[in-house]
Amino acid sequence: MEQKITCLIADDEPMALDLIESYVNKTPFLELKGRCTNGFEVLDLLAKEEDIDLLFLDIQMPGLNGLELSKTLRKKNRVIFTTAFDKYALAGFKVEALDYLLKPFDYNEFLTAANRALEWFTLQRGSNNKPTISNDYMFVKADYKQIRIDYDDILYFEGLKDYIKIWLKSKPRPILTLMSLKTLEENLPADRFMRVHRSYIISLNEIKSIERNSVMINNQCIVIADKYKDDFYEFVQKKSMQ
């Protein structure tokens, strides 16, 4: 049986609350725990209901707005923002919201955001999300399936807290998977990939140039952090012509 995602909704407009509640009730994997009309009510409900996973938060609410509220939440609480103003999109992603719904939105748009939350919680609740490693390729979980990625196609990995972006030569957009760079680093072949920064693991075969403690890969300049310089330049020295 699929595990439920518990959620609450917060909006100072009664019609918006009713609409989102109807969307939640239509979505089998969502379980509504409460509805609130301002940020302070949300805090009170979270104090009583500690098992709430997901919050659908309107950004503009009286007293304590959704952005301010999101900064006070526990790490296990995830947020999908709902607002009538697209100017808040960047701010929403800066506080690591799972998604951003611009009013008026229909059920299909709501379901897309809810499915993104489902993927996040499914991966988070599962066992360690380790890549399946072979000599020439790896499998990672993304978009509800296991995706094969050939090592020769990888440019670099970019860490974003709980997620990793996998940048490929064959795709304009990265593949997003829930995993830590530390877990990835421990499983990748060390002769093909190297950690050069807190947020980056690079494909050694894709280095185009090295200058002033940075590498250039596919027009992306990646800084080599002090912690990783010795190992990196040892590799460079071994590959350099004498």
C-alpha atoms as a PDB file:
ATOM      1  CA  MET A   1       0.000   0.000   0.000  1.00  0.00           C
ATOM      2  CA  GLU A   2       1.348   3.421  -0.949  1.00  0.00           C
ATOM      3  CA  GLN A   3       2.349   5.522   2.017  1.00  0.00           C
ATOM      4  CA  LYS A   4       0.380   8.730   2.437  1.00  0.00           C
ATOM      5  CA  ILE A   5       1.830  12.222   2.429  1.00  0.00           C
ATOM      6  CA  THR A   6       0.185  14.205   5.204  1.00  0.00           C
ATOM      7  CA  CYS A   7      -0.408  17.848   4.383  1.00  0.00           C
ATOM      8  CA  LEU A   8      -2.000  21.100   5.442  1.00  0.00           C
ATOM      9  CA  ILE A   9      -3.160  24.031   3.373  1.00  0.00           C
ATOM     10  CA  ALA A  10      -2.910  27.715   4.258  1.00  0.00           C
ATOM     11  CA  ASP A  11      -4.534  30.632   2.461  1.00  0.00           C
ATOM     12  CA  ASP A  12      -6.350  33.754   3.635  1.00  0.00           C
ATOM     13  CA  GLU A  13      -8.943  33.406   0.844  1.00  0.00           C
ATOM     14  CA  PRO A  14     -11.778  30.946   1.700  1.00  0.00           C
ATOM     15  CA  MET A  15     -12.451  30.111  -1.962  1.00  0.00           C
ATOM     16  CA  ALA A  16      -8.786  29.269  -2.523  1.00  0.00           C
ATOM     17  CA  LEU A  17      -8.806  27.048   0.570  1.00  0.00           C
ATOM     18  CA  ASP A  18     -11.886  25.214  -0.664  1.00  0.00           C
ATOM     19  CA  LEU A  19     -10.385  24.681  -4.107  1.00  0.00           C
ATOM     20  CA  ILE A  20      -7.060  23.331  -2.828  1.00  0.00           C
ATOM     21  CA  GLU A  21      -8.875  21.114  -0.329  1.00  0.00           C
ATOM     22  CA  SER A  22     -10.910  19.633  -3.192  1.00  0.00           C
ATOM     23  CA  TYR A  23      -7.664  18.963  -5.105  1.00  0.00           C
ATOM     24  CA  VAL A  24      -6.095  17.282  -2.068  1.00  0.00           C
ATOM     25  CA  ASN A  25      -9.165  15.082  -1.604  1.00  0.00           C
ATOM     26  CA  LYS A  26      -8.962  13.997  -5.273  1.00  0.00           C
ATOM     27  CA  THR A  27      -5.320  12.921  -4.872  1.00  0.00           C
ATOM     28  CA  PRO A  28      -5.030   9.387  -3.437  1.00  0.00           C
ATOM     29  CA  PHE A  29      -1.597   9.765  -1.858  1.00  0.00           C
ATOM     30  CA  LEU A  30      -2.396  13.016  -0.014  1.00  0.00           C
ATOM     31  CA  GLU A  31      -4.022  13.118   3.416  1.00  0.00           C
ATOM     32  CA  LEU A  32      -5.309  16.485   4.636  1.00  0.00           C
ATOM     33  CA  LYS A  33      -4.514  17.239   8.286  1.00  0.00           C
ATOM     34  CA  GLY A  34      -5.865  20.772   8.472  1.00  0.00           C
ATOM     35  CA  ARG A  35      -6.519  24.129   6.843  1.00  0.00           C
ATOM     36  CA  CYS A  36      -5.372  27.523   8.070  1.00  0.00           C
ATOM     37  CA  THR A  37      -5.985  31.143   7.144  1.00  0.00           C
ATOM     38  CA  ASN A  38      -2.678  32.638   8.323  1.00  0.00           C
ATOM     39  CA  GLY A  39       0.865  31.724   9.293  1.00  0.00           C
ATOM     40  CA  PHE A  40       0.259  31.756  13.041  1.00  0.00           C
ATOM     41  CA  GLU A  41      -2.501  29.168  12.686  1.00  0.00           C
ATOM     42  CA  VAL A  42      -0.034  27.023  10.746  1.00  0.00           C
ATOM     43  CA  LEU A  43       2.491  27.193  13.584  1.00  0.00           C
ATOM     44  CA  ASP A  44      -0.189  26.235  16.108  1.00  0.00           C
ATOM     45  CA  LEU A  45      -1.281  23.269  14.004  1.00  0.00           C
ATOM     46  CA  LEU A  46       2.284  22.074  13.461  1.00  0.00           C
ATOM     47  CA  ALA A  47       2.824  22.149  17.227  1.00  0.00           C
ATOM     48  CA  LYS A  48      -0.150  19.791  17.664  1.00  0.00           C
ATOM     49  CA  GLU A  49       0.329  17.648  14.544  1.00  0.00           C
ATOM     50  CA  GLU A  50       4.012  16.713  14.339  1.00  0.00           C
ATOM     51  CA  ASP A  51       3.530  14.183  11.543  1.00  0.00           C
ATOM     52  CA  ILE A  52       2.657  16.729   8.835  1.00  0.00           C
ATOM     53  CA  ASP A  53       4.910  16.307   5.804  1.00  0.00           C
ATOM     54  CA  LEU A  54       3.830  18.865   3.219  1.00  0.00           C
ATOM     55  CA  LEU A  55       2.480  22.409   3.374  1.00  0.00           C
ATOM     56  CA  PHE A  56       0.625  24.171   0.574  1.00  0.00           C
ATOM     57  CA  LEU A  57       1.327  27.779   1.554  1.00  0.00           C
ATOM     58  CA  ASP A  58      -0.035  30.976   0.135  1.00  0.00           C
ATOM     59  CA  ILE A  59       2.763  33.550   0.169  1.00  0.00           C
ATOM     60  CA  GLN A  60       0.712  36.665   0.880  1.00  0.00           C
ATOM     61  CA  MET A  61      -1.036  36.118   4.206  1.00  0.00           C
ATOM     62  CA  PRO A  62      -1.656  38.595   7.023  1.00  0.00           C
ATOM     63  CA  GLY A  63       0.715  38.704   9.978  1.00  0.00           C
ATOM     64  CA  LEU A  64       3.224  36.019   8.994  1.00  0.00           C
ATOM     65  CA  ASN A  65       3.519  35.439   5.266  1.00  0.00           C
ATOM     66  CA  GLY A  66       4.363  32.145   3.608  1.00  0.00           C
ATOM     67  CA  LEU A  67       8.007  32.981   2.888  1.00  0.00           C
ATOM     68  CA  GLU A  68       8.654  34.065   6.471  1.00  0.00           C
ATOM     69  CA  LEU A  69       6.852  31.007   7.779  1.00  0.00           C
ATOM     70  CA  SER A  70       8.832  28.609   5.576  1.00  0.00           C
ATOM     71  CA  LYS A  71      12.075  29.756   7.194  1.00  0.00           C
ATOM     72  CA  THR A  72      10.847  28.580  10.619  1.00  0.00           C
ATOM     73  CA  LEU A  73       9.859  25.051   9.574  1.00  0.00           C
ATOM     74  CA  ARG A  74      11.573  21.817  10.497  1.00  0.00           C
ATOM     75  CA  LYS A  75      13.684  20.156   7.828  1.00  0.00           C
ATOM     76  CA  LYS A  76      11.161  17.323   7.449  1.00  0.00           C
ATOM     77  CA  ASN A  77       8.406  19.804   6.514  1.00  0.00           C
ATOM     78  CA  ARG A  78       8.398  20.536   2.787  1.00  0.00           C
ATOM     79  CA  VAL A  79       6.587  23.391   1.068  1.00  0.00           C
ATOM     80  CA  ILE A  80       4.721  24.002  -2.176  1.00  0.00           C
ATOM     81  CA  PHE A  81       3.945  27.711  -2.503  1.00  0.00           C
ATOM     82  CA  THR A  82       0.698  29.001  -3.985  1.00  0.00           C
ATOM     83  CA  THR A  83       0.426  32.647  -5.008  1.00  0.00           C
ATOM     84  CA  ALA A  84      -1.109  35.002  -7.545  1.00  0.00           C
ATOM     85  CA  PHE A  85       2.195  36.852  -8.043  1.00  0.00           C
ATOM     86  CA  ASP A  86       4.991  35.358 -10.139  1.00  0.00           C
ATOM     87  CA  LYS A  87       7.509  37.829  -8.674  1.00  0.00           C
ATOM     88  CA  TYR A  88       7.866  35.460  -5.707  1.00  0.00           C
ATOM     89  CA  ALA A  89       9.069  32.480  -7.764  1.00  0.00           C
ATOM     90  CA  LEU A  90      12.791  33.072  -7.209  1.00  0.00           C
ATOM     91  CA  ALA A  91      12.312  33.737  -3.501  1.00  0.00           C
ATOM     92  CA  GLY A  92      10.308  30.522  -3.236  1.00  0.00           C
ATOM     93  CA  PHE A  93      13.086  28.418  -4.694  1.00  0.00           C
ATOM     94  CA  LYS A  94      15.692  30.122  -2.524  1.00  0.00           C
ATOM     95  CA  VAL A  95      13.988  28.666   0.533  1.00  0.00           C
ATOM     96  CA  GLU A  96      14.046  25.247  -1.179  1.00  0.00           C
ATOM     97  CA  ALA A  97      10.358  24.887  -1.905  1.00  0.00           C
ATOM     98  CA  LEU A  98       9.465  21.702  -3.763  1.00  0.00           C
ATOM     99  CA  ASP A  99       7.365  23.636  -6.234  1.00  0.00           C
ATOM    100  CA  TYR A 100       5.544  26.889  -6.949  1.00  0.00           C
ATOM    101  CA  LEU A 101       1.931  27.101  -8.136  1.00  0.00           C
ATOM    102  CA  LEU A 102       0.807  30.334  -9.764  1.00  0.00           C
ATOM    103  CA  LYS A 103      -2.874  31.142  -9.265  1.00  0.00           C
ATOM    104  CA  PRO A 104      -5.201  30.380 -10.865  1.00  0.00           C
ATOM    105  CA  PHE A 105      -3.973  26.797 -11.301  1.00  0.00           C
ATOM    106  CA  ASP A 106      -5.978  23.766 -12.329  1.00  0.00           C
ATOM    107  CA  TYR A 107      -5.919  20.229 -10.977  1.00  0.00           C
ATOM    108  CA  ASN A 108      -3.358  19.015 -13.531  1.00  0.00           C
ATOM    109  CA  GLU A 109      -0.913  21.684 -12.403  1.00  0.00           C
ATOM    110  CA  PHE A 110      -1.624  20.843  -8.776  1.00  0.00           C
ATOM    111  CA  LEU A 111      -1.092  17.128  -9.447  1.00  0.00           C
ATOM    112  CA  THR A 112       2.244  17.781 -11.156  1.00  0.00           C
ATOM    113  CA  ALA A 113       3.463  19.602  -8.050  1.00  0.00           C
ATOM    114  CA  ALA A 114       2.033  16.930  -5.750  1.00  0.00           C
ATOM    115  CA  ASN A 115       3.780  14.197  -7.759  1.00  0.00           C
ATOM    116  CA  ARG A 116       7.054  16.044  -7.356  1.00  0.00           C
ATOM    117  CA  ALA A 117       6.491  15.950  -3.612  1.00  0.00           C
ATOM    118  CA  LEU A 118       5.615  12.250  -3.812  1.00  0.00           C
ATOM    119  CA  GLU A 119       8.887  11.517  -5.577  1.00  0.00           C
ATOM    120  CA  TRP A 120      10.841  13.458  -2.960  1.00  0.00           C
ATOM    121  CA  PHE A 121       9.195  11.722   0.002  1.00  0.00           C
ATOM    122  CA  THR A 122       9.369   8.277  -1.622  1.00  0.00           C
ATOM    123  CA  LEU A 123      13.106   8.606  -2.126  1.00  0.00           C
ATOM    124  CA  GLN A 124      13.611  10.160   1.294  1.00  0.00           C
ATOM    125  CA  ARG A 125      11.758   7.361   3.075  1.00  0.00           C
ATOM    126  CA  GLY A 126      13.410   4.576   1.136  1.00  0.00           C
ATOM    127  CA  SER A 127      16.700   2.915   1.891  1.00  0.00           C
ATOM    128  CA  ASN A 128      19.906   4.755   1.029  1.00  0.00           C
ATOM    129  CA  ASN A 129      19.541   5.969  -2.517  1.00  0.00           C
ATOM    130  CA  LYS A 130      22.817   4.634  -3.853  1.00  0.00           C
ATOM    131  CA  PRO A 131      23.587   4.480  -7.546  1.00  0.00           C
ATOM    132  CA  THR A 132      23.918   1.079  -9.192  1.00  0.00           C
ATOM    133  CA  ILE A 133      27.455   1.102 -10.531  1.00  0.00           C
ATOM    134  CA  SER A 134      28.981  -0.816 -13.445  1.00  0.00           C
ATOM    135  CA  ASN A 135      32.299  -0.460 -15.261  1.00  0.00           C
ATOM    136  CA  ASP A 136      30.957   1.891 -17.920  1.00  0.00           C
ATOM    137  CA  TYR A 137      27.620   3.179 -16.644  1.00  0.00           C
ATOM    138  CA  MET A 138      25.425   3.773 -13.622  1.00  0.00           C
ATOM    139  CA  PHE A 139      21.727   3.665 -12.802  1.00  0.00           C
ATOM    140  CA  VAL A 140      20.127   6.424 -10.712  1.00  0.00           C
ATOM    141  CA  LYS A 141      16.568   7.006  -9.514  1.00  0.00           C
ATOM    142  CA  ALA A 142      14.875   9.932 -11.263  1.00  0.00           C
ATOM    143  CA  ASP A 143      11.398  10.656 -12.637  1.00  0.00           C
ATOM    144  CA  TYR A 144       9.938   7.573 -10.909  1.00  0.00           C
ATOM    145  CA  LYS A 145      12.286   5.167 -12.671  1.00  0.00           C
ATOM    146  CA  GLN A 146      15.861   3.895 -12.822  1.00  0.00           C
ATOM    147  CA  ILE A 147      17.767   5.762 -15.515  1.00  0.00           C
ATOM    148  CA  ARG A 148      20.944   4.432 -17.109  1.00  0.00           C
ATOM    149  CA  ILE A 149      23.709   7.001 -17.522  1.00  0.00           C
ATOM    150  CA  ASP A 150      26.882   6.192 -19.449  1.00  0.00           C
ATOM    151  CA  TYR A 151      30.053   7.544 -17.873  1.00  0.00           C
ATOM    152  CA  ASP A 152      31.189   8.895 -21.240  1.00  0.00           C
ATOM    153  CA  ASP A 153      28.092  11.125 -21.303  1.00  0.00           C
ATOM    154  CA  ILE A 154      28.719  12.738 -17.897  1.00  0.00           C
ATOM    155  CA  LEU A 155      30.197  16.227 -17.670  1.00  0.00           C
ATOM    156  CA  TYR A 156      29.945  16.809 -13.926  1.00  0.00           C
ATOM    157  CA  PHE A 157      27.759  16.397 -10.853  1.00  0.00           C
ATOM    158  CA  GLU A 158      26.434  19.389  -8.936  1.00  0.00           C
ATOM    159  CA  GLY A 159      25.273  18.964  -5.350  1.00  0.00           C
ATOM    160  CA  LEU A 160      22.225  20.884  -4.077  1.00  0.00           C
ATOM    161  CA  LYS A 161      21.728  19.857  -0.450  1.00  0.00           C
ATOM    162  CA  ASP A 162      19.549  16.717  -0.721  1.00  0.00           C
ATOM    163  CA  TYR A 163      19.704  16.563  -4.507  1.00  0.00           C
ATOM    164  CA  ILE A 164      22.305  16.083  -7.213  1.00  0.00           C
ATOM    165  CA  LYS A 165      22.165  17.546 -10.700  1.00  0.00           C
ATOM    166  CA  ILE A 166      23.826  15.282 -13.272  1.00  0.00           C
ATOM    167  CA  TRP A 167      24.958  17.360 -16.244  1.00  0.00           C
ATOM    168  CA  LEU A 168      25.298  15.384 -19.470  1.00  0.00           C
ATOM    169  CA  LYS A 169      26.676  16.016 -22.938  1.00  0.00           C
ATOM    170  CA  SER A 170      23.542  14.575 -24.525  1.00  0.00           C
ATOM    171  CA  LYS A 171      20.931  16.677 -22.690  1.00  0.00           C
ATOM    172  CA  PRO A 172      20.473  20.449 -22.283  1.00  0.00           C
ATOM    173  CA  ARG A 173      18.919  20.011 -18.821  1.00  0.00           C
ATOM    174  CA  PRO A 174      20.396  18.029 -15.934  1.00  0.00           C
ATOM    175  CA  ILE A 175      18.971  14.846 -14.458  1.00  0.00           C
ATOM    176  CA  LEU A 176      17.865  15.449 -10.868  1.00  0.00           C
ATOM    177  CA  THR A 177      18.205  12.675  -8.277  1.00  0.00           C
ATOM    178  CA  LEU A 178      17.890  12.528  -4.505  1.00  0.00           C
ATOM    179  CA  MET A 179      21.343  11.619  -3.219  1.00  0.00           C
ATOM    180  CA  SER A 180      24.286  13.170  -1.414  1.00  0.00           C
ATOM    181  CA  LEU A 181      27.584  13.942  -3.148  1.00  0.00           C
ATOM    182  CA  LYS A 182      29.325  11.945  -0.430  1.00  0.00           C
ATOM    183  CA  THR A 183      27.335   8.815  -1.296  1.00  0.00           C
ATOM    184  CA  LEU A 184      28.000   9.363  -4.979  1.00  0.00           C
ATOM    185  CA  GLU A 185      31.703   9.974  -4.451  1.00  0.00           C
ATOM    186  CA  GLU A 186      32.050   6.718  -2.520  1.00  0.00           C
ATOM    187  CA  ASN A 187      30.536   4.738  -5.386  1.00  0.00           C
ATOM    188  CA  LEU A 188      32.043   6.322  -8.490  1.00  0.00           C
ATOM    189  CA  PRO A 189      35.240   4.957 -10.101  1.00  0.00           C
ATOM    190  CA  ALA A 190      38.077   7.149  -8.821  1.00  0.00           C
ATOM    191  CA  ASP A 191      40.019   6.916 -12.084  1.00  0.00           C
ATOM    192  CA  ARG A 192      37.209   8.672 -13.974  1.00  0.00           C
ATOM    193  CA  PHE A 193      35.713  11.150 -11.508  1.00  0.00           C
ATOM    194  CA  MET A 194      37.073  13.454  -8.818  1.00  0.00           C
ATOM    195  CA  ARG A 195      35.600  15.701  -6.172  1.00  0.00           C
ATOM    196  CA  VAL A 196      37.017  19.189  -6.568  1.00  0.00           C
ATOM    197  CA  HIS A 197      34.590  21.238  -4.498  1.00  0.00           C
ATOM    198  CA  ARG A 198      31.983  20.861  -1.774  1.00  0.00           C
ATOM    199  CA  SER A 199      29.346  21.056  -4.517  1.00  0.00           C
ATOM    200  CA  TYR A 200      31.053  19.431  -7.528  1.00  0.00           C
ATOM    201  CA  ILE A 201      32.371  16.113  -8.782  1.00  0.00           C
ATOM    202  CA  ILE A 202      33.836  16.345 -12.276  1.00  0.00           C
ATOM    203  CA  SER A 203      34.512  13.893 -15.077  1.00  0.00           C
ATOM    204  CA  LEU A 204      38.282  13.936 -15.498  1.00  0.00           C
ATOM    205  CA  ASN A 205      37.977  13.138 -19.202  1.00  0.00           C
ATOM    206  CA  GLU A 206      35.902  16.283 -19.810  1.00  0.00           C
ATOM    207  CA  ILE A 207      38.402  18.861 -18.522  1.00  0.00           C
ATOM    208  CA  LYS A 208      39.095  21.298 -21.360  1.00  0.00           C
ATOM    209  CA  SER A 209      41.457  23.629 -19.532  1.00  0.00           C
ATOM    210  CA  ILE A 210      42.853  24.441 -16.085  1.00  0.00           C
ATOM    211  CA  GLU A 211      43.520  27.996 -14.991  1.00  0.00           C
ATOM    212  CA  ARG A 212      43.892  29.802 -11.659  1.00  0.00           C
ATOM    213  CA  ASN A 213      42.577  26.963  -9.511  1.00  0.00           C
ATOM    214  CA  SER A 214      39.564  26.269 -11.691  1.00  0.00           C
ATOM    215  CA  VAL A 215      38.667  23.870 -14.470  1.00  0.00           C
ATOM    216  CA  MET A 216      36.640  24.503 -17.574  1.00  0.00           C
ATOM    217  CA  ILE A 217      34.104  21.810 -18.533  1.00  0.00           C
ATOM    218  CA  ASN A 218      31.648  22.447 -21.353  1.00  0.00           C
ATOM    219  CA  ASN A 219      31.913  26.250 -20.903  1.00  0.00           C
ATOM    220  CA  GLN A 220      31.283  25.875 -17.168  1.00  0.00           C
ATOM    221  CA  CYS A 221      34.037  27.192 -14.892  1.00  0.00           C
ATOM    222  CA  ILE A 222      34.296  25.094 -11.708  1.00  0.00           C
ATOM    223  CA  VAL A 223      36.470  26.237  -8.830  1.00  0.00           C
ATOM    224  CA  ILE A 224      38.883  23.776  -7.240  1.00  0.00           C
ATOM    225  CA  ALA A 225      38.483  24.249  -3.501  1.00  0.00           C
ATOM    226  CA  ASP A 226      41.547  24.268  -1.230  1.00  0.00           C
ATOM    227  CA  LYS A 227      40.514  20.992   0.405  1.00  0.00           C
ATOM    228  CA  TYR A 228      40.795  19.140  -2.928  1.00  0.00           C
ATOM    229  CA  LYS A 229      43.748  20.903  -4.577  1.00  0.00           C
ATOM    230  CA  ASP A 230      46.469  18.442  -3.556  1.00  0.00           C
ATOM    231  CA  ASP A 231      44.685  15.405  -4.993  1.00  0.00           C
ATOM    232  CA  PHE A 232      43.686  17.259  -8.131  1.00  0.00           C
ATOM    233  CA  TYR A 233      47.124  18.605  -8.953  1.00  0.00           C
ATOM    234  CA  GLU A 234      48.680  15.243  -8.214  1.00  0.00           C
ATOM    235  CA  PHE A 235      46.401  13.842 -10.912  1.00  0.00           C
ATOM    236  CA  VAL A 236      47.378  16.676 -13.280  1.00  0.00           C
ATOM    237  CA  GLN A 237      51.066  16.100 -12.635  1.00  0.00           C
ATOM    238  CA  LYS A 238      50.752  12.423 -13.502  1.00  0.00           C
ATOM    239  CA  LYS A 239      49.041  13.293 -16.793  1.00  0.00           C
ATOM    240  CA  SER A 240      51.412  16.125 -17.726  1.00  0.00           C
ATOM    241  CA  MET A 241      54.164  15.677 -20.302  1.00  0.00           C
ATOM    242  CA  GLN A 242      57.583  15.689 -18.707  1.00  0.00           C
END
